[in-house]
């Protein structure tokens, strides 16, 4: 998986120095990133606000729930 930002690359470099990840892992991520220019930081993309339900159009009939069937008596 390639790096997404320069900050992430620095974080992985410090983890490598501390011995928490292997050199192979760091080199694999570095290879997959290639020479692309990375942003300093990546921010989360805000999700779109949910749409509210529209009120029914004027003059439209309201839906009525189906009538409940009466329970039949067992003999």
N, C-alpha and C. Protein backbone atom coordinates (compact mmCIF):
# COMPACT_ATOMS: atom_id res chain seq x y z
N UNK A 1 0.85 -1.18 0.00
CA UNK A 1 0.00 0.00 0.00
C UNK A 1 0.90 1.24 0.00
N UNK A 2 0.68 2.14 -0.91
CA UNK A 2 1.55 3.31 -0.98
C UNK A 2 1.23 4.35 0.09
N UNK A 3 2.20 5.21 0.34
CA UNK A 3 2.00 6.31 1.29
C UNK A 3 1.00 7.29 0.72
N UNK A 4 0.23 7.93 1.60
CA UNK A 4 -0.75 8.92 1.15
C UNK A 4 -0.27 10.34 1.38
N UNK A 5 0.71 10.52 2.28
CA UNK A 5 1.20 11.87 2.56
C UNK A 5 2.63 11.82 3.07
N UNK A 6 3.27 12.98 3.07
CA UNK A 6 4.63 13.08 3.60
C UNK A 6 4.64 12.79 5.10
N UNK A 7 3.60 13.23 5.80
CA UNK A 7 3.53 12.99 7.24
C UNK A 7 3.49 11.49 7.54
N UNK A 8 2.75 10.74 6.72
CA UNK A 8 2.68 9.30 6.92
C UNK A 8 4.04 8.66 6.64
N UNK A 9 4.75 9.15 5.66
CA UNK A 9 6.08 8.61 5.35
C UNK A 9 7.04 8.85 6.52
N UNK A 10 6.98 10.07 7.09
CA UNK A 10 7.83 10.36 8.26
C UNK A 10 7.47 9.47 9.44
N UNK A 11 6.19 9.24 9.66
CA UNK A 11 5.75 8.40 10.77
C UNK A 11 6.29 6.98 10.61
N UNK A 12 6.21 6.45 9.40
CA UNK A 12 6.73 5.11 9.16
C UNK A 12 8.25 5.08 9.33
N UNK A 13 8.94 6.16 8.97
CA UNK A 13 10.39 6.21 9.14
C UNK A 13 10.75 6.17 10.62
N UNK A 14 9.98 6.87 11.46
CA UNK A 14 10.26 6.82 12.91
C UNK A 14 9.94 5.45 13.47
N UNK A 15 8.89 4.79 12.97
CA UNK A 15 8.59 3.43 13.43
C UNK A 15 9.69 2.47 13.02
N UNK A 16 10.29 2.70 11.85
CA UNK A 16 11.40 1.87 11.39
C UNK A 16 12.60 2.04 12.31
N UNK A 17 12.90 3.27 12.68
CA UNK A 17 14.04 3.54 13.55
C UNK A 17 13.82 2.93 14.93
N UNK A 18 12.56 2.97 15.41
CA UNK A 18 12.25 2.39 16.72
C UNK A 18 12.18 0.87 16.68
N UNK A 19 12.17 0.29 15.48
CA UNK A 19 12.15 -1.16 15.35
C UNK A 19 10.75 -1.75 15.42
N UNK A 20 9.72 -0.93 15.26
CA UNK A 20 8.35 -1.43 15.35
C UNK A 20 7.86 -2.01 14.03
N UNK A 21 8.49 -1.63 12.90
CA UNK A 21 8.19 -2.24 11.61
C UNK A 21 9.50 -2.68 10.98
N UNK A 22 9.40 -3.59 10.04
CA UNK A 22 10.63 -4.10 9.41
C UNK A 22 11.04 -3.19 8.25
N UNK A 23 12.29 -3.32 7.87
CA UNK A 23 12.83 -2.55 6.75
C UNK A 23 12.13 -2.95 5.45
N UNK A 24 11.77 -4.25 5.32
CA UNK A 24 11.09 -4.72 4.12
C UNK A 24 9.73 -4.04 3.95
N UNK A 25 9.01 -3.86 5.06
CA UNK A 25 7.70 -3.21 5.00
C UNK A 25 7.85 -1.77 4.54
N UNK A 26 8.79 -1.05 5.13
CA UNK A 26 9.00 0.34 4.75
C UNK A 26 9.40 0.46 3.29
N UNK A 27 10.32 -0.39 2.85
CA UNK A 27 10.78 -0.33 1.46
C UNK A 27 9.66 -0.70 0.48
N UNK A 28 8.80 -1.64 0.87
CA UNK A 28 7.69 -2.02 0.01
C UNK A 28 6.74 -0.83 -0.19
N UNK A 29 6.39 -0.16 0.89
CA UNK A 29 5.51 1.01 0.80
C UNK A 29 6.18 2.12 -0.01
N UNK A 30 7.48 2.30 0.21
CA UNK A 30 8.22 3.34 -0.50
C UNK A 30 8.28 3.05 -2.00
N UNK A 31 8.48 1.78 -2.35
CA UNK A 31 8.52 1.38 -3.75
C UNK A 31 7.17 1.61 -4.43
N UNK A 32 6.08 1.23 -3.74
CA UNK A 32 4.75 1.37 -4.33
C UNK A 32 4.34 2.83 -4.49
N UNK A 33 4.88 3.70 -3.62
CA UNK A 33 4.57 5.12 -3.74
C UNK A 33 5.26 5.71 -4.95
N UNK A 34 6.48 5.28 -5.21
CA UNK A 34 7.22 5.79 -6.36
C UNK A 34 7.68 7.21 -6.13
N UNK A 35 7.82 7.96 -7.22
CA UNK A 35 8.34 9.32 -7.11
C UNK A 35 7.23 10.36 -7.20
N UNK A 36 6.00 9.95 -6.89
CA UNK A 36 4.89 10.90 -6.95
C UNK A 36 5.03 11.95 -5.86
N UNK A 37 4.58 13.16 -6.15
CA UNK A 37 4.65 14.22 -5.15
C UNK A 37 3.46 14.05 -4.21
N UNK A 38 3.75 13.93 -2.93
CA UNK A 38 2.71 13.69 -1.93
C UNK A 38 2.36 14.99 -1.21
N UNK A 39 1.11 15.14 -0.81
CA UNK A 39 0.76 16.32 -0.01
C UNK A 39 1.35 16.20 1.38
N UNK A 40 1.47 17.32 2.07
CA UNK A 40 2.00 17.29 3.43
C UNK A 40 1.08 16.49 4.35
N UNK A 41 -0.19 16.78 4.28
CA UNK A 41 -1.18 16.06 5.09
C UNK A 41 -2.40 15.75 4.22
N UNK A 42 -3.11 14.71 4.59
CA UNK A 42 -4.34 14.35 3.90
C UNK A 42 -5.49 14.56 4.87
N UNK A 43 -6.49 15.29 4.41
CA UNK A 43 -7.66 15.51 5.26
C UNK A 43 -8.78 14.60 4.82
N UNK A 44 -9.67 14.30 5.73
CA UNK A 44 -10.80 13.45 5.41
C UNK A 44 -11.79 14.23 4.55
N UNK A 45 -12.41 13.52 3.64
CA UNK A 45 -13.42 14.14 2.79
C UNK A 45 -14.73 14.13 3.56
N UNK A 46 -15.34 15.30 3.68
CA UNK A 46 -16.60 15.40 4.41
C UNK A 46 -17.69 14.69 3.64
N UNK A 47 -18.50 13.94 4.34
CA UNK A 47 -19.59 13.24 3.68
C UNK A 47 -20.70 14.22 3.35
N UNK A 48 -21.46 13.90 2.34
CA UNK A 48 -22.56 14.76 1.93
C UNK A 48 -23.65 14.71 2.99
N UNK A 49 -24.28 15.84 3.27
CA UNK A 49 -25.37 15.82 4.25
C UNK A 49 -26.54 15.02 3.71
N UNK A 50 -27.21 14.31 4.61
CA UNK A 50 -28.34 13.49 4.20
C UNK A 50 -29.52 14.38 3.84
N UNK A 51 -30.24 13.97 2.81
CA UNK A 51 -31.40 14.74 2.37
C UNK A 51 -32.59 14.44 3.26
N UNK A 52 -33.35 15.48 3.54
CA UNK A 52 -34.55 15.30 4.33
C UNK A 52 -35.66 14.82 3.41
N UNK A 53 -36.61 14.09 3.98
CA UNK A 53 -37.74 13.62 3.20
C UNK A 53 -38.60 14.82 2.82
N UNK A 54 -39.01 14.86 1.58
CA UNK A 54 -39.82 15.98 1.12
C UNK A 54 -41.25 15.79 1.60
N UNK A 55 -41.92 16.88 1.92
CA UNK A 55 -43.33 16.76 2.29
C UNK A 55 -44.14 16.38 1.05
N UNK A 56 -45.28 15.72 1.22
CA UNK A 56 -46.07 15.31 0.05
C UNK A 56 -46.59 16.53 -0.69
N UNK A 57 -46.79 16.36 -1.97
CA UNK A 57 -47.28 17.46 -2.79
C UNK A 57 -48.70 17.82 -2.37
N UNK A 58 -49.06 19.06 -2.59
CA UNK A 58 -50.40 19.49 -2.22
C UNK A 58 -51.44 18.74 -3.04
N UNK A 59 -52.49 18.33 -2.37
CA UNK A 59 -53.56 17.63 -3.06
C UNK A 59 -53.31 16.14 -3.22
N UNK A 60 -52.15 15.67 -2.81
CA UNK A 60 -51.86 14.25 -2.93
C UNK A 60 -52.56 13.50 -1.81
N UNK A 61 -53.05 12.32 -2.12
CA UNK A 61 -53.74 11.52 -1.11
C UNK A 61 -52.71 10.85 -0.20
N UNK A 62 -53.04 10.78 1.07
CA UNK A 62 -52.16 10.12 2.02
C UNK A 62 -52.37 8.61 1.90
N UNK A 63 -51.32 7.88 2.07
CA UNK A 63 -51.42 6.43 2.05
C UNK A 63 -52.02 5.96 3.36
N UNK A 64 -53.02 5.10 3.25
CA UNK A 64 -53.62 4.55 4.46
C UNK A 64 -53.10 3.14 4.64
N UNK A 65 -52.84 2.74 5.87
CA UNK A 65 -52.32 1.39 6.08
C UNK A 65 -53.40 0.37 5.75
N UNK A 66 -53.01 -0.81 5.29
CA UNK A 66 -54.00 -1.83 4.97
C UNK A 66 -54.76 -2.25 6.22
N UNK A 67 -56.03 -2.60 6.02
CA UNK A 67 -56.84 -3.00 7.16
C UNK A 67 -56.34 -4.32 7.71
N UNK A 68 -56.31 -4.38 9.03
CA UNK A 68 -55.86 -5.61 9.67
C UNK A 68 -56.95 -6.67 9.54
N UNK A 69 -56.55 -7.86 9.23
CA UNK A 69 -57.51 -8.94 9.11
C UNK A 69 -57.97 -9.35 10.51
N UNK A 70 -59.22 -9.60 10.61
CA UNK A 70 -59.72 -10.02 11.92
C UNK A 70 -59.29 -11.45 12.17
N UNK A 71 -58.97 -11.72 13.40
CA UNK A 71 -58.50 -13.06 13.77
C UNK A 71 -59.68 -14.02 13.72
N UNK A 72 -59.50 -15.11 13.04
CA UNK A 72 -60.55 -16.12 12.96
C UNK A 72 -60.55 -16.96 14.20
N UNK A 73 -61.75 -17.25 14.65
CA UNK A 73 -61.88 -18.08 15.86
C UNK A 73 -61.74 -19.54 15.48
N UNK A 74 -60.91 -20.23 16.20
CA UNK A 74 -60.73 -21.68 15.95
C UNK A 74 -61.77 -22.46 16.74
N UNK A 75 -62.42 -23.39 16.08
CA UNK A 75 -63.45 -24.19 16.76
C UNK A 75 -62.85 -25.42 17.37
